[in-house]
Amino acid sequence: MKKSNRYTSEFREHAIRLVTTQQHEYPSLWAALVSISDKLGCTPETLRVWVKKSQAQPSKPSFNTQSTEERLAAFFAQAELDRKQK
């Protein structure tokens, strides 16, 4: 039987990133998993499996050389250019 891919890879990556960056704010990993999974709408066990798998895989080099700050700046710069003049 084939497992359904209910969540996109982008969603899983975002969820894993949330756990790894916010885990220190919780008393335990499980507490972080419970809280974050509740906000995302998945189960804590599903999120735990994703995090465990991501830690077991060697990190892939990122081909996106643009930082988040650069992307945000570009987004707002484009929005400013697209704004109608008064």
N, C-alpha and C. Protein backbone atom coordinates (compact mmCIF):
# COMPACT_ATOMS: atom_id res chain seq x y z
N MET A 1 0.85 -1.18 0.00
CA MET A 1 0.00 0.00 0.00
C MET A 1 0.90 1.24 0.00
N LYS A 2 0.58 2.18 -0.86
CA LYS A 2 1.36 3.41 -0.98
C LYS A 2 0.92 4.41 0.08
N LYS A 3 1.92 5.03 0.71
CA LYS A 3 1.60 6.07 1.70
C LYS A 3 1.21 7.35 0.96
N SER A 4 0.25 8.05 1.49
CA SER A 4 -0.14 9.31 0.85
C SER A 4 0.80 10.42 1.29
N ASN A 5 1.10 11.30 0.38
CA ASN A 5 1.91 12.47 0.70
C ASN A 5 0.97 13.62 1.01
N ARG A 6 0.52 13.65 2.23
CA ARG A 6 -0.44 14.67 2.65
C ARG A 6 0.22 16.04 2.76
N TYR A 7 1.50 16.04 3.08
CA TYR A 7 2.21 17.29 3.28
C TYR A 7 3.28 17.46 2.21
N THR A 8 3.42 18.68 1.73
CA THR A 8 4.44 18.96 0.71
C THR A 8 5.82 18.94 1.35
N SER A 9 6.82 18.79 0.53
CA SER A 9 8.19 18.81 1.05
C SER A 9 8.51 20.17 1.64
N GLU A 10 7.96 21.24 1.06
CA GLU A 10 8.18 22.58 1.60
C GLU A 10 7.59 22.70 3.00
N PHE A 11 6.40 22.13 3.19
CA PHE A 11 5.76 22.16 4.51
C PHE A 11 6.60 21.41 5.53
N ARG A 12 7.09 20.21 5.14
CA ARG A 12 7.91 19.42 6.04
C ARG A 12 9.20 20.16 6.40
N GLU A 13 9.85 20.76 5.41
CA GLU A 13 11.09 21.51 5.67
C GLU A 13 10.83 22.68 6.61
N HIS A 14 9.71 23.37 6.41
CA HIS A 14 9.35 24.49 7.28
C HIS A 14 9.12 23.99 8.71
N ALA A 15 8.41 22.89 8.85
CA ALA A 15 8.12 22.33 10.17
C ALA A 15 9.41 21.92 10.88
N ILE A 16 10.32 21.28 10.15
CA ILE A 16 11.60 20.86 10.73
C ILE A 16 12.40 22.08 11.16
N ARG A 17 12.41 23.11 10.33
CA ARG A 17 13.13 24.33 10.65
C ARG A 17 12.57 24.98 11.92
N LEU A 18 11.25 24.97 12.06
CA LEU A 18 10.63 25.53 13.27
C LEU A 18 11.11 24.79 14.51
N VAL A 19 11.11 23.46 14.44
CA VAL A 19 11.54 22.67 15.60
C VAL A 19 13.00 22.95 15.93
N THR A 20 13.85 22.94 14.92
CA THR A 20 15.28 23.12 15.20
C THR A 20 15.62 24.52 15.69
N THR A 21 14.88 25.52 15.24
CA THR A 21 15.19 26.88 15.67
C THR A 21 14.49 27.27 16.97
N GLN A 22 13.39 26.60 17.31
CA GLN A 22 12.62 26.99 18.50
C GLN A 22 12.69 25.98 19.64
N GLN A 23 13.38 24.89 19.43
CA GLN A 23 13.44 23.84 20.45
C GLN A 23 13.96 24.36 21.79
N HIS A 24 14.90 25.28 21.75
CA HIS A 24 15.49 25.80 23.00
C HIS A 24 14.48 26.56 23.85
N GLU A 25 13.35 26.95 23.27
CA GLU A 25 12.33 27.70 24.01
C GLU A 25 11.41 26.78 24.83
N TYR A 26 11.60 25.47 24.71
CA TYR A 26 10.74 24.50 25.37
C TYR A 26 11.56 23.65 26.35
N PRO A 27 10.90 23.08 27.35
CA PRO A 27 11.64 22.28 28.34
C PRO A 27 12.18 20.96 27.78
N SER A 28 11.60 20.48 26.68
CA SER A 28 12.07 19.23 26.08
C SER A 28 11.75 19.24 24.58
N LEU A 29 12.36 18.31 23.87
CA LEU A 29 12.07 18.18 22.45
C LEU A 29 10.61 17.81 22.25
N TRP A 30 10.10 16.91 23.07
CA TRP A 30 8.71 16.49 22.93
C TRP A 30 7.75 17.67 23.15
N ALA A 31 8.03 18.52 24.11
CA ALA A 31 7.19 19.69 24.35
C ALA A 31 7.18 20.59 23.12
N ALA A 32 8.33 20.75 22.49
CA ALA A 32 8.42 21.55 21.26
C ALA A 32 7.61 20.90 20.16
N LEU A 33 7.74 19.58 20.01
CA LEU A 33 7.01 18.86 18.97
C LEU A 33 5.50 18.99 19.15
N VAL A 34 5.05 18.85 20.39
CA VAL A 34 3.61 18.94 20.68
C VAL A 34 3.09 20.33 20.35
N SER A 35 3.78 21.34 20.80
CA SER A 35 3.34 22.72 20.58
C SER A 35 3.35 23.10 19.10
N ILE A 36 4.45 22.81 18.43
CA ILE A 36 4.59 23.21 17.03
C ILE A 36 3.66 22.41 16.14
N SER A 37 3.53 21.11 16.40
CA SER A 37 2.64 20.29 15.57
C SER A 37 1.19 20.73 15.71
N ASP A 38 0.82 21.16 16.91
CA ASP A 38 -0.55 21.65 17.13
C ASP A 38 -0.80 22.90 16.28
N LYS A 39 0.17 23.76 16.19
CA LYS A 39 0.02 24.99 15.39
C LYS A 39 0.00 24.70 13.90
N LEU A 40 0.72 23.65 13.48
CA LEU A 40 0.81 23.33 12.06
C LEU A 40 -0.30 22.39 11.58
N GLY A 41 -0.92 21.69 12.51
CA GLY A 41 -2.01 20.79 12.12
C GLY A 41 -1.55 19.38 11.75
N CYS A 42 -0.45 18.94 12.34
CA CYS A 42 0.00 17.56 12.15
C CYS A 42 0.20 16.96 13.53
N THR A 43 0.52 15.68 13.58
CA THR A 43 0.70 15.05 14.89
C THR A 43 2.14 15.22 15.37
N PRO A 44 2.34 15.22 16.68
CA PRO A 44 3.71 15.33 17.21
C PRO A 44 4.60 14.19 16.72
N GLU A 45 4.03 12.98 16.60
CA GLU A 45 4.82 11.83 16.16
C GLU A 45 5.26 12.00 14.70
N THR A 46 4.39 12.51 13.86
CA THR A 46 4.76 12.77 12.46
C THR A 46 5.91 13.75 12.42
N LEU A 47 5.81 14.81 13.18
CA LEU A 47 6.85 15.83 13.20
C LEU A 47 8.16 15.25 13.77
N ARG A 48 8.06 14.40 14.78
CA ARG A 48 9.25 13.77 15.36
C ARG A 48 9.98 12.92 14.32
N VAL A 49 9.22 12.18 13.51
CA VAL A 49 9.81 11.34 12.47
C VAL A 49 10.52 12.21 11.44
N TRP A 50 9.89 13.31 11.04
CA TRP A 50 10.52 14.21 10.05
C TRP A 50 11.83 14.77 10.59
N VAL A 51 11.82 15.20 11.84
CA VAL A 51 13.03 15.78 12.45
C VAL A 51 14.12 14.71 12.54
N LYS A 52 13.74 13.51 12.97
CA LYS A 52 14.71 12.42 13.10
C LYS A 52 15.34 12.09 11.74
N LYS A 53 14.51 12.00 10.70
CA LYS A 53 15.02 11.71 9.36
C LYS A 53 15.93 12.82 8.86
N SER A 54 15.58 14.05 9.14
CA SER A 54 16.40 15.18 8.66
C SER A 54 17.76 15.19 9.35
N GLN A 55 17.81 14.76 10.59
CA GLN A 55 19.07 14.73 11.33
C GLN A 55 19.95 13.58 10.86
N ALA A 56 19.35 12.53 10.34
CA ALA A 56 20.10 11.37 9.88
C ALA A 56 20.70 11.59 8.49
N GLN A 57 20.10 12.50 7.72
CA GLN A 57 20.58 12.77 6.37
C GLN A 57 21.68 13.82 6.41
N PRO A 58 22.72 13.62 5.56
CA PRO A 58 23.72 14.68 5.47
C PRO A 58 23.08 15.93 4.87
N SER A 59 23.48 17.07 5.37
CA SER A 59 22.86 18.31 4.88
C SER A 59 23.25 18.55 3.44
N LYS A 60 22.26 18.97 2.67
CA LYS A 60 22.48 19.25 1.26
C LYS A 60 22.96 20.68 1.11
N PRO A 61 23.89 20.91 0.20
CA PRO A 61 24.31 22.29 -0.03
C PRO A 61 23.15 23.08 -0.64
N SER A 62 22.99 24.27 -0.17
CA SER A 62 21.92 25.12 -0.68
C SER A 62 22.38 25.84 -1.94
N PHE A 63 21.60 25.69 -3.00
CA PHE A 63 21.93 26.36 -4.24
C PHE A 63 21.32 27.76 -4.29
N ASN A 64 20.52 28.06 -3.31
CA ASN A 64 19.93 29.38 -3.22
C ASN A 64 20.90 30.25 -2.43
N THR A 65 21.60 31.10 -3.13
CA THR A 65 22.62 31.93 -2.48
C THR A 65 22.04 33.19 -1.87
N GLN A 66 20.80 33.45 -2.15
CA GLN A 66 20.17 34.66 -1.64
C GLN A 66 19.67 34.42 -0.21
N SER A 67 20.02 35.29 0.72
CA SER A 67 19.56 35.15 2.09
C SER A 67 18.11 35.60 2.20
N THR A 68 17.51 35.24 3.31
CA THR A 68 16.13 35.65 3.56
C THR A 68 16.00 37.16 3.56
N GLU A 69 16.98 37.83 4.16
CA GLU A 69 16.94 39.29 4.20
C GLU A 69 16.99 39.89 2.79
N GLU A 70 17.83 39.31 1.94
CA GLU A 70 17.92 39.81 0.57
C GLU A 70 16.61 39.60 -0.20
N ARG A 71 15.99 38.42 0.02
CA ARG A 71 14.72 38.15 -0.67
C ARG A 71 13.64 39.10 -0.19
N LEU A 72 13.61 39.35 1.13
CA LEU A 72 12.60 40.28 1.65
C LEU A 72 12.83 41.69 1.12
N ALA A 73 14.08 42.11 1.08
CA ALA A 73 14.39 43.45 0.56
C ALA A 73 13.97 43.56 -0.90
N ALA A 74 14.24 42.51 -1.67
CA ALA A 74 13.85 42.52 -3.08
C ALA A 74 12.34 42.56 -3.23
N PHE A 75 11.64 41.82 -2.37
CA PHE A 75 10.18 41.80 -2.42
C PHE A 75 9.60 43.19 -2.16
N PHE A 76 10.08 43.84 -1.11
CA PHE A 76 9.56 45.16 -0.77
C PHE A 76 10.02 46.22 -1.77
N ALA A 77 11.19 46.06 -2.32
CA ALA A 77 11.65 47.01 -3.35
C ALA A 77 10.74 46.90 -4.57
N GLN A 78 10.41 45.66 -4.96
CA GLN A 78 9.53 45.48 -6.12
C GLN A 78 8.14 46.03 -5.81
N ALA A 79 7.66 45.82 -4.60
CA ALA A 79 6.34 46.34 -4.22
C ALA A 79 6.34 47.87 -4.29
N GLU A 80 7.43 48.48 -3.88
CA GLU A 80 7.55 49.94 -3.94
C GLU A 80 7.54 50.42 -5.39
N LEU A 81 8.21 49.69 -6.26
CA LEU A 81 8.24 50.06 -7.68
C LEU A 81 6.86 49.88 -8.33
N ASP A 82 6.12 48.89 -7.87
CA ASP A 82 4.81 48.61 -8.45
C ASP A 82 3.71 49.53 -7.91
N ARG A 83 4.01 50.27 -6.85
CA ARG A 83 3.01 51.12 -6.24
C ARG A 83 2.65 52.27 -7.18
N LYS A 84 1.35 52.58 -7.28
CA LYS A 84 0.89 53.67 -8.14
C LYS A 84 1.32 55.00 -7.54
N GLN A 85 1.75 55.89 -8.41
CA GLN A 85 2.15 57.22 -7.99
C GLN A 85 0.91 58.07 -7.76
N LYS A 86 0.96 58.93 -6.76
CA LYS A 86 -0.19 59.81 -6.45
C LYS A 86 -0.12 61.07 -7.27
